PDB file of N, CA and C in Angstrom:
ATOM      1  N   PHE A   1      10.993 -14.306  54.332  1.00  0.00           N
ATOM      2  CA  PHE A   1      11.519 -13.320  53.217  1.00  0.00           C
ATOM      3  C   PHE A   1      12.800 -13.610  52.813  1.00  0.00           C
ATOM      4  N   ALA A   2      13.076 -13.089  51.651  1.00  0.00           N
ATOM      5  CA  ALA A   2      14.207 -13.134  50.829  1.00  0.00           C
ATOM      6  C   ALA A   2      14.709 -11.904  50.718  1.00  0.00           C
ATOM      7  N   SER A   3      16.107 -11.747  50.756  1.00  0.00           N
ATOM      8  CA  SER A   3      16.812 -10.452  50.597  1.00  0.00           C
ATOM      9  C   SER A   3      18.153 -10.547  49.608  1.00  0.00           C
ATOM     10  N   ALA A   4      18.541  -9.688  49.144  1.00  0.00           N
ATOM     11  CA  ALA A   4      19.988  -9.341  48.462  1.00  0.00           C
ATOM     12  C   ALA A   4      20.432  -8.253  48.703  1.00  0.00           C
ATOM     13  N   ASN A   5      21.630  -8.031  49.198  1.00  0.00           N
ATOM     14  CA  ASN A   5      22.282  -6.781  49.375  1.00  0.00           C
ATOM     15  C   ASN A   5      23.839  -6.731  49.315  1.00  0.00           C
ATOM     16  N   TYR A   6      24.360  -5.644  49.424  1.00  0.00           N
ATOM     17  CA  TYR A   6      25.785  -5.516  49.304  1.00  0.00           C
ATOM     18  C   TYR A   6      26.364  -4.620  50.386  1.00  0.00           C
ATOM     19  N   ASN A   7      27.367  -5.136  51.066  1.00  0.00           N
ATOM     20  CA  ASN A   7      27.875  -4.424  52.184  1.00  0.00           C
ATOM     21  C   ASN A   7      29.336  -3.962  51.890  1.00  0.00           C
ATOM     22  N   PHE A   8      29.882  -2.840  52.047  1.00  0.00           N
ATOM     23  CA  PHE A   8      31.213  -2.479  51.807  1.00  0.00           C
ATOM     24  C   PHE A   8      31.892  -1.991  53.061  1.00  0.00           C
ATOM     25  N   LEU A   9      33.092  -2.634  53.479  1.00  0.00           N
ATOM     26  CA  LEU A   9      33.533  -2.400  54.907  1.00  0.00           C
ATOM     27  C   LEU A   9      34.942  -1.911  54.527  1.00  0.00           C
ATOM     28  N   ILE A  10      35.463  -0.918  55.390  1.00  0.00           N
ATOM     29  CA  ILE A  10      36.637  -0.333  55.282  1.00  0.00           C
ATOM     30  C   ILE A  10      37.422  -0.498  56.787  1.00  0.00           C
ATOM     31  N   SER A  11      38.674  -1.074  56.429  1.00  0.00           N
ATOM     32  CA  SER A  11      39.438  -1.326  57.735  1.00  0.00           C
ATOM     33  C   SER A  11      39.937  -0.129  58.292  1.00  0.00           C
ATOM     34  N   THR A  12      39.974  -0.231  59.646  1.00  0.00           N
ATOM     35  CA  THR A  12      40.455   1.141  60.393  1.00  0.00           C
ATOM     36  C   THR A  12      41.693   0.617  61.024  1.00  0.00           C
ATOM     37  N   ASP A  13      42.501  -0.468  60.923  1.00  0.00           N
ATOM     38  CA  ASP A  13      43.795  -0.827  61.481  1.00  0.00           C
ATOM     39  C   ASP A  13      44.628  -0.111  60.511  1.00  0.00           C
ATOM     40  N   HIS A  14      46.069  -0.008  60.812  1.00  0.00           N
ATOM     41  CA  HIS A  14      47.023   0.705  60.331  1.00  0.00           C
ATOM     42  C   HIS A  14      47.472   0.146  58.929  1.00  0.00           C
ATOM     43  N   ASN A  15      46.925  -1.087  58.423  1.00  0.00           N
ATOM     44  CA  ASN A  15      47.366  -1.703  57.278  1.00  0.00           C
ATOM     45  C   ASN A  15      46.200  -1.238  56.271  1.00  0.00           C
ATOM     46  N   GLY A  16      45.080  -0.643  56.760  1.00  0.00           N
ATOM     47  CA  GLY A  16      44.057  -0.250  55.721  1.00  0.00           C
ATOM     48  C   GLY A  16      43.392  -1.476  54.962  1.00  0.00           C
ATOM     49  N   GLY A  17      42.628  -1.169  54.025  1.00  0.00           N
ATOM     50  CA  GLY A  17      42.002  -2.133  53.216  1.00  0.00           C
ATOM     51  C   GLY A  17      40.585  -2.078  53.032  1.00  0.00           C
ATOM     52  N   THR A  18      39.990  -2.742  52.166  1.00  0.00           N
ATOM     53  CA  THR A  18      38.524  -2.769  52.120  1.00  0.00           C
ATOM     54  C   THR A  18      38.116  -3.987  51.828  1.00  0.00           C
ATOM     55  N   ALA A  19      36.862  -4.395  51.899  1.00  0.00           N
ATOM     56  CA  ALA A  19      36.169  -5.706  51.651  1.00  0.00           C
ATOM     57  C   ALA A  19      34.577  -5.427  51.197  1.00  0.00           C
ATOM     58  N   GLY A  20      34.265  -6.185  50.324  1.00  0.00           N
ATOM     59  CA  GLY A  20      32.816  -6.078  50.005  1.00  0.00           C
ATOM     60  C   GLY A  20      32.055  -7.469  50.210  1.00  0.00           C
ATOM     61  N   PHE A  21      30.817  -7.580  50.748  1.00  0.00           N
ATOM     62  CA  PHE A  21      29.916  -8.631  50.827  1.00  0.00           C
ATOM     63  C   PHE A  21      28.962  -8.587  49.578  1.00  0.00           C
ATOM     64  N   ILE A  22      28.631  -9.613  48.793  1.00  0.00           N
ATOM     65  CA  ILE A  22      27.523  -9.549  48.083  1.00  0.00           C
ATOM     66  C   ILE A  22      26.738 -10.733  48.719  1.00  0.00           C
ATOM     67  N   LEU A  23      25.351 -10.575  49.146  1.00  0.00           N
ATOM     68  CA  LEU A  23      24.756 -11.668  49.961  1.00  0.00           C
ATOM     69  C   LEU A  23      23.272 -11.722  49.387  1.00  0.00           C
ATOM     70  N   VAL A  24      22.897 -13.114  49.048  1.00  0.00           N
ATOM     71  CA  VAL A  24      21.600 -13.463  48.716  1.00  0.00           C
ATOM     72  C   VAL A  24      20.849 -14.468  49.569  1.00  0.00           C
ATOM     73  N   HIS A  25      20.052 -14.348  50.432  1.00  0.00           N
ATOM     74  CA  HIS A  25      19.524 -15.374  51.349  1.00  0.00           C
ATOM     75  C   HIS A  25      18.136 -15.401  51.558  1.00  0.00           C
ATOM     76  N   ALA A  26      17.459 -16.456  51.956  1.00  0.00           N
ATOM     77  CA  ALA A  26      15.960 -16.562  52.467  1.00  0.00           C
ATOM     78  C   ALA A  26      16.241 -16.768  53.851  1.00  0.00           C
ATOM     79  N   VAL A  27      15.190 -16.172  54.450  1.00  0.00           N
ATOM     80  CA  VAL A  27      15.014 -16.065  55.997  1.00  0.00           C
ATOM     81  C   VAL A  27      13.608 -16.644  56.497  1.00  0.00           C
ATOM     82  N   PRO A  28      13.653 -17.919  56.840  1.00  0.00           N
ATOM     83  CA  PRO A  28      12.539 -18.507  57.451  1.00  0.00           C
ATOM     84  C   PRO A  28      12.410 -17.853  58.848  1.00  0.00           C
ATOM     85  N   ARG A  29      11.237 -17.534  59.508  1.00  0.00           N
ATOM     86  CA  ARG A  29      10.875 -17.043  60.656  1.00  0.00           C
ATOM     87  C   ARG A  29      10.122 -17.740  61.610  1.00  0.00           C
ATOM     88  N   ILE A  30      10.363 -17.678  62.816  1.00  0.00           N
ATOM     89  CA  ILE A  30       9.228 -18.271  64.014  1.00  0.00           C
ATOM     90  C   ILE A  30       8.839 -17.054  64.744  1.00  0.00           C
ATOM     91  N   TYR A  31       7.327 -16.819  64.696  1.00  0.00           N
ATOM     92  CA  TYR A  31       6.980 -15.796  65.599  1.00  0.00           C
ATOM     93  C   TYR A  31       6.618 -16.480  66.907  1.00  0.00           C
ATOM     94  N   PHE A  32       6.978 -15.926  67.907  1.00  0.00           N
ATOM     95  CA  PHE A  32       6.745 -16.227  69.285  1.00  0.00           C
ATOM     96  C   PHE A  32       5.519 -15.538  69.720  1.00  0.00           C
ATOM     97  N   THR A  33       5.297 -14.431  69.380  1.00  0.00           N
ATOM     98  CA  THR A  33       4.082 -13.528  69.643  1.00  0.00           C
ATOM     99  C   THR A  33       3.844 -12.625  68.268  1.00  0.00           C
ATOM    100  N   LYS A  34       2.736 -11.916  68.315  1.00  0.00           N
ATOM    101  CA  LYS A  34       2.522 -11.128  67.044  1.00  0.00           C
ATOM    102  C   LYS A  34       3.706 -10.069  66.954  1.00  0.00           C
ATOM    103  N   GLN A  35       4.412  -9.787  68.011  1.00  0.00           N
ATOM    104  CA  GLN A  35       5.486  -8.615  67.872  1.00  0.00           C
ATOM    105  C   GLN A  35       6.790  -9.118  68.112  1.00  0.00           C
ATOM    106  N   THR A  36       7.156 -10.385  68.312  1.00  0.00           N
ATOM    107  CA  THR A  36       8.464 -11.088  68.231  1.00  0.00           C
ATOM    108  C   THR A  36       8.847 -12.048  67.735  1.00  0.00           C
ATOM    109  N   PHE A  37      10.061 -12.271  67.077  1.00  0.00           N
ATOM    110  CA  PHE A  37      10.265 -13.299  66.182  1.00  0.00           C
ATOM    111  C   PHE A  37      11.964 -13.559  65.958  1.00  0.00           C
ATOM    112  N   ALA A  38      12.231 -14.691  65.649  1.00  0.00           N
ATOM    113  CA  ALA A  38      13.440 -15.225  65.439  1.00  0.00           C
ATOM    114  C   ALA A  38      13.517 -15.780  64.158  1.00  0.00           C
ATOM    115  N   GLY A  39      14.612 -15.808  63.317  1.00  0.00           N
ATOM    116  CA  GLY A  39      14.937 -16.257  62.153  1.00  0.00           C
ATOM    117  C   GLY A  39      16.332 -16.743  61.902  1.00  0.00           C
ATOM    118  N   ILE A  40      16.558 -17.629  60.826  1.00  0.00           N
ATOM    119  CA  ILE A  40      17.889 -17.559  60.374  1.00  0.00           C
ATOM    120  C   ILE A  40      17.947 -17.568  58.943  1.00  0.00           C
ATOM    121  N   GLY A  41      18.814 -16.485  58.331  1.00  0.00           N
ATOM    122  CA  GLY A  41      18.903 -16.572  56.869  1.00  0.00           C
ATOM    123  C   GLY A  41      19.976 -17.473  56.365  1.00  0.00           C
ATOM    124  N   LEU A  42      19.603 -18.199  55.273  1.00  0.00           N
ATOM    125  CA  LEU A  42      20.617 -19.000  54.680  1.00  0.00           C
ATOM    126  C   LEU A  42      20.845 -18.753  53.391  1.00  0.00           C
ATOM    127  N   GLY A  43      22.044 -18.872  52.764  1.00  0.00           N
ATOM    128  CA  GLY A  43      22.162 -18.465  51.378  1.00  0.00           C
ATOM    129  C   GLY A  43      23.552 -18.425  50.874  1.00  0.00           C
ATOM    130  N   TYR A  44      23.783 -17.781  49.947  1.00  0.00           N
ATOM    131  CA  TYR A  44      25.047 -17.740  49.194  1.00  0.00           C
ATOM    132  C   TYR A  44      25.551 -16.284  49.147  1.00  0.00           C
ATOM    133  N   GLY A  45      26.869 -16.326  49.268  1.00  0.00           N
ATOM    134  CA  GLY A  45      27.448 -14.923  49.378  1.00  0.00           C
ATOM    135  C   GLY A  45      28.995 -14.901  48.590  1.00  0.00           C
ATOM    136  N   GLY A  46      29.395 -13.816  48.379  1.00  0.00           N
ATOM    137  CA  GLY A  46      30.731 -13.382  47.765  1.00  0.00           C
ATOM    138  C   GLY A  46      31.469 -12.613  48.894  1.00  0.00           C
ATOM    139  N   LEU A  47      32.760 -12.830  48.976  1.00  0.00           N
ATOM    140  CA  LEU A  47      33.608 -11.758  49.745  1.00  0.00           C
ATOM    141  C   LEU A  47      34.483 -11.183  48.922  1.00  0.00           C
ATOM    142  N   TYR A  48      34.800  -9.993  48.541  1.00  0.00           N
ATOM    143  CA  TYR A  48      35.642  -9.539  47.510  1.00  0.00           C
ATOM    144  C   TYR A  48      36.703  -8.468  48.333  1.00  0.00           C
ATOM    145  N   SER A  49      37.881  -8.562  48.039  1.00  0.00           N
ATOM    146  CA  SER A  49      38.854  -7.778  48.739  1.00  0.00           C
ATOM    147  C   SER A  49      40.183  -7.850  48.084  1.00  0.00           C
ATOM    148  N   GLY A  50      40.733  -6.695  47.676  1.00  0.00           N
ATOM    149  CA  GLY A  50      42.014  -6.605  47.079  1.00  0.00           C
ATOM    150  C   GLY A  50      42.190  -7.173  45.661  1.00  0.00           C
ATOM    151  N   GLY A  51      40.953  -7.185  44.875  1.00  0.00           N
ATOM    152  CA  GLY A  51      40.902  -7.815  43.637  1.00  0.00           C
ATOM    153  C   GLY A  51      40.906  -9.452  43.723  1.00  0.00           C
ATOM    154  N   LEU A  52      40.818 -10.070  44.970  1.00  0.00           N
ATOM    155  CA  LEU A  52      40.520 -11.650  45.010  1.00  0.00           C
ATOM    156  C   LEU A  52      39.075 -11.621  45.601  1.00  0.00           C
ATOM    157  N   GLY A  53      38.637 -12.794  45.378  1.00  0.00           N
ATOM    158  CA  GLY A  53      37.187 -13.154  45.698  1.00  0.00           C
ATOM    159  C   GLY A  53      37.148 -14.610  46.070  1.00  0.00           C
ATOM    160  N   ALA A  54      36.006 -14.684  46.930  1.00  0.00           N
ATOM    161  CA  ALA A  54      35.565 -16.203  47.079  1.00  0.00           C
ATOM    162  C   ALA A  54      34.265 -16.164  47.604  1.00  0.00           C
ATOM    163  N   ASN A  55      33.683 -17.349  46.941  1.00  0.00           N
ATOM    164  CA  ASN A  55      32.114 -17.563  47.297  1.00  0.00           C
ATOM    165  C   ASN A  55      32.052 -18.422  48.417  1.00  0.00           C
ATOM    166  N   ALA A  56      30.855 -18.083  49.254  1.00  0.00           N
ATOM    167  CA  ALA A  56      30.941 -18.966  50.533  1.00  0.00           C
ATOM    168  C   ALA A  56      29.350 -19.082  50.922  1.00  0.00           C
ATOM    169  N   LEU A  57      29.033 -19.881  52.079  1.00  0.00           N
ATOM    170  CA  LEU A  57      27.876 -19.865  52.690  1.00  0.00           C
ATOM    171  C   LEU A  57      27.705 -18.670  53.563  1.00  0.00           C
ATOM    172  N   ASN A  58      26.410 -18.287  53.198  1.00  0.00           N
ATOM    173  CA  ASN A  58      25.910 -16.970  54.113  1.00  0.00           C
ATOM    174  C   ASN A  58      24.974 -17.468  55.084  1.00  0.00           C
ATOM    175  N   PHE A  59      25.053 -16.957  56.163  1.00  0.00           N
ATOM    176  CA  PHE A  59      24.087 -17.239  57.419  1.00  0.00           C
ATOM    177  C   PHE A  59      23.941 -15.956  58.127  1.00  0.00           C
ATOM    178  N   GLU A  60      22.685 -15.898  58.795  1.00  0.00           N
ATOM    179  CA  GLU A  60      22.365 -14.566  59.422  1.00  0.00           C
ATOM    180  C   GLU A  60      21.109 -14.928  60.647  1.00  0.00           C
ATOM    181  N   PRO A  61      21.757 -15.541  61.747  1.00  0.00           N
ATOM    182  CA  PRO A  61      20.672 -15.540  62.913  1.00  0.00           C
ATOM    183  C   PRO A  61      20.276 -14.220  63.064  1.00  0.00           C
ATOM    184  N   GLN A  62      18.943 -14.047  63.571  1.00  0.00           N
ATOM    185  CA  GLN A  62      18.429 -12.780  63.802  1.00  0.00           C
ATOM    186  C   GLN A  62      17.223 -12.871  64.810  1.00  0.00           C
ATOM    187  N   PHE A  63      17.021 -11.536  65.498  1.00  0.00           N
ATOM    188  CA  PHE A  63      15.989 -11.597  66.525  1.00  0.00           C
ATOM    189  C   PHE A  63      15.061 -10.279  66.055  1.00  0.00           C
ATOM    190  N   GLY A  64      13.827 -10.141  66.093  1.00  0.00           N
ATOM    191  CA  GLY A  64      13.359  -9.126  65.855  1.00  0.00           C
ATOM    192  C   GLY A  64      11.913  -8.530  66.635  1.00  0.00           C
ATOM    193  N   ILE A  65      11.693  -7.428  66.405  1.00  0.00           N
ATOM    194  CA  ILE A  65      10.325  -6.770  66.984  1.00  0.00           C
ATOM    195  C   ILE A  65       9.513  -6.442  65.745  1.00  0.00           C
ATOM    196  N   ASN A  66       8.385  -6.814  65.670  1.00  0.00           N
ATOM    197  CA  ASN A  66       7.368  -6.500  64.644  1.00  0.00           C
ATOM    198  C   ASN A  66       6.314  -5.482  65.134  1.00  0.00           C
ATOM    199  N   LYS A  67       6.294  -4.244  64.506  1.00  0.00           N
ATOM    200  CA  LYS A  67       5.376  -3.281  64.962  1.00  0.00           C
ATOM    201  C   LYS A  67       4.351  -3.063  63.752  1.00  0.00           C
ATOM    202  N   LYS A  68       3.245  -2.238  63.917  1.00  0.00           N
ATOM    203  CA  LYS A  68       2.236  -2.160  62.937  1.00  0.00           C
ATOM    204  C   LYS A  68       3.015  -1.444  61.535  1.00  0.00           C
ATOM    205  N   LYS A  69       3.902  -0.498  61.683  1.00  0.00           N
ATOM    206  CA  LYS A  69       4.373   0.185  60.529  1.00  0.00           C
ATOM    207  C   LYS A  69       5.844  -0.072  60.479  1.00  0.00           C
ATOM    208  N   ALA A  70       6.645  -0.907  61.186  1.00  0.00           N
ATOM    209  CA  ALA A  70       7.922  -1.247  61.203  1.00  0.00           C
ATOM    210  C   ALA A  70       8.517  -2.551  61.725  1.00  0.00           C
ATOM    211  N   GLN A  71       9.638  -2.849  61.366  1.00  0.00           N
ATOM    212  CA  GLN A  71      10.167  -4.080  62.040  1.00  0.00           C
ATOM    213  C   GLN A  71      11.699  -3.759  62.306  1.00  0.00           C
ATOM    214  N   PHE A  72      11.931  -3.942  63.564  1.00  0.00           N
ATOM    215  CA  PHE A  72      13.522  -3.865  64.012  1.00  0.00           C
ATOM    216  C   PHE A  72      14.126  -5.049  64.224  1.00  0.00           C
ATOM    217  N   ILE A  73      15.316  -5.308  63.579  1.00  0.00           N
ATOM    218  CA  ILE A  73      15.857  -6.799  63.588  1.00  0.00           C
ATOM    219  C   ILE A  73      17.378  -6.477  63.655  1.00  0.00           C
ATOM    220  N   LEU A  74      17.861  -7.252  64.702  1.00  0.00           N
ATOM    221  CA  LEU A  74      19.155  -7.475  65.010  1.00  0.00           C
ATOM    222  C   LEU A  74      19.686  -8.768  64.577  1.00  0.00           C
ATOM    223  N   GLY A  75      20.771  -8.695  63.754  1.00  0.00           N
ATOM    224  CA  GLY A  75      21.298  -9.873  63.282  1.00  0.00           C
ATOM    225  C   GLY A  75      22.749  -9.989  63.404  1.00  0.00           C
ATOM    226  N   PHE A  76      23.423 -11.208  63.125  1.00  0.00           N
ATOM    227  CA  PHE A  76      24.853 -11.276  62.718  1.00  0.00           C
ATOM    228  C   PHE A  76      24.857 -11.926  61.291  1.00  0.00           C
ATOM    229  N   ASN A  77      25.100 -11.308  60.441  1.00  0.00           N
ATOM    230  CA  ASN A  77      25.363 -11.674  58.982  1.00  0.00           C
ATOM    231  C   ASN A  77      26.842 -12.033  58.615  1.00  0.00           C
ATOM    232  N   ALA A  78      27.064 -13.337  58.463  1.00  0.00           N
ATOM    233  CA  ALA A  78      28.338 -13.763  58.149  1.00  0.00           C
ATOM    234  C   ALA A  78      28.433 -14.793  56.929  1.00  0.00           C
ATOM    235  N   LEU A  79      29.665 -14.827  56.506  1.00  0.00           N
ATOM    236  CA  LEU A  79      30.079 -15.783  55.443  1.00  0.00           C
ATOM    237  C   LEU A  79      31.090 -16.701  55.968  1.00  0.00           C
ATOM    238  N   THR A  80      31.033 -18.090  55.762  1.00  0.00           N
ATOM    239  CA  THR A  80      31.932 -18.862  56.151  1.00  0.00           C
ATOM    240  C   THR A  80      32.590 -19.688  55.019  1.00  0.00           C
ATOM    241  N   TYR A  81      33.707 -19.670  55.143  1.00  0.00           N
ATOM    242  CA  TYR A  81      34.626 -20.279  54.084  1.00  0.00           C
ATOM    243  C   TYR A  81      35.980 -20.959  54.445  1.00  0.00           C
ATOM    244  N   ASN A  82      36.191 -22.132  54.344  1.00  0.00           N
ATOM    245  CA  ASN A  82      37.449 -22.887  54.697  1.00  0.00           C
ATOM    246  C   ASN A  82      37.768 -22.617  56.018  1.00  0.00           C
ATOM    247  N   GLY A  83      36.580 -22.734  56.973  1.00  0.00           N
ATOM    248  CA  GLY A  83      36.838 -22.759  58.359  1.00  0.00           C
ATOM    249  C   GLY A  83      36.897 -21.408  58.929  1.00  0.00           C
ATOM    250  N   TYR A  84      36.874 -20.498  58.159  1.00  0.00           N
ATOM    251  CA  TYR A  84      36.936 -18.937  58.634  1.00  0.00           C
ATOM    252  C   TYR A  84      35.470 -18.338  58.480  1.00  0.00           C
ATOM    253  N   ILE A  85      35.035 -17.444  59.566  1.00  0.00           N
ATOM    254  CA  ILE A  85      33.833 -16.517  59.631  1.00  0.00           C
ATOM    255  C   ILE A  85      34.089 -15.203  59.427  1.00  0.00           C
ATOM    256  N   VAL A  86      33.618 -14.658  58.410  1.00  0.00           N
ATOM    257  CA  VAL A  86      33.790 -13.220  58.306  1.00  0.00           C
ATOM    258  C   VAL A  86      32.346 -12.600  58.502  1.00  0.00           C
ATOM    259  N   GLY A  87      32.073 -11.679  59.522  1.00  0.00           N
ATOM    260  CA  GLY A  87      30.761 -11.343  59.594  1.00  0.00           C
ATOM    261  C   GLY A  87      30.556  -9.828  60.272  1.00  0.00           C
ATOM    262  N   ILE A  88      29.404  -9.596  60.241  1.00  0.00           N
ATOM    263  CA  ILE A  88      29.004  -8.174  60.612  1.00  0.00           C
ATOM    264  C   ILE A  88      27.835  -8.057  61.505  1.00  0.00           C
ATOM    265  N   LEU A  89      27.803  -7.408  62.649  1.00  0.00           N
ATOM    266  CA  LEU A  89      26.520  -7.230  63.357  1.00  0.00           C
ATOM    267  C   LEU A  89      25.895  -6.095  62.956  1.00  0.00           C
ATOM    268  N   ASN A  90      24.522  -6.429  62.530  1.00  0.00           N
ATOM    269  CA  ASN A  90      23.786  -5.231  61.916  1.00  0.00           C
ATOM    270  C   ASN A  90      22.381  -5.020  62.677  1.00  0.00           C
ATOM    271  N   LEU A  91      21.990  -3.915  62.549  1.00  0.00           N
ATOM    272  CA  LEU A  91      20.737  -3.601  63.019  1.00  0.00           C
ATOM    273  C   LEU A  91      19.890  -2.982  61.832  1.00  0.00           C
ATOM    274  N   LYS A  92      18.752  -3.623  61.633  1.00  0.00           N
ATOM    275  CA  LYS A  92      18.046  -3.189  60.549  1.00  0.00           C
ATOM    276  C   LYS A  92      16.669  -2.530  60.948  1.00  0.00           C
ATOM    277  N   LEU A  93      16.178  -1.565  60.078  1.00  0.00           N
ATOM    278  CA  LEU A  93      14.869  -0.955  60.438  1.00  0.00           C
ATOM    279  C   LEU A  93      13.981  -1.260  59.125  1.00  0.00           C
ATOM    280  N   ILE A  94      13.068  -1.951  58.990  1.00  0.00           N
ATOM    281  CA  ILE A  94      12.184  -2.006  57.834  1.00  0.00           C
ATOM    282  C   ILE A  94      10.805  -1.457  57.872  1.00  0.00           C
ATOM    283  N   PHE A  95      10.424  -0.429  56.911  1.00  0.00           N
ATOM    284  CA  PHE A  95       9.294   0.247  57.125  1.00  0.00           C
ATOM    285  C   PHE A  95       8.159  -0.604  56.278  1.00  0.00           C
ATOM    286  N   LYS A  96       6.841  -0.644  56.867  1.00  0.00           N
ATOM    287  CA  LYS A  96       5.971  -1.333  56.200  1.00  0.00           C
ATOM    288  C   LYS A  96       5.045  -0.173  55.521  1.00  0.00           C
ATOM    289  N   PHE A  97       4.533  -0.530  54.275  1.00  0.00           N
ATOM    290  CA  PHE A  97       3.658   0.366  53.601  1.00  0.00           C
ATOM    291  C   PHE A  97       2.314  -0.248  53.141  1.00  0.00           C
TER     292      PHE A  97
END
């Protein structure tokens, strides 16, 4: 599948600050059974903070459980740029209609 999303992060340390991710990627999957799968999203992303921005490679390894009406996905969505990795661990719930 393919996805596009925006994540807004707020720092909790004493210096404060915010950052935003704009991500677009495609996610090929391998289904081990009808109910379990793994995949890796690859694409393009932007990281914006304090008026500065950088474009970077986006990747998201993930593992999921497929049910009749929903999917539960655990992944690590990250941007890599100049040897640094900025990422977020996320849990997604996707409803099927």
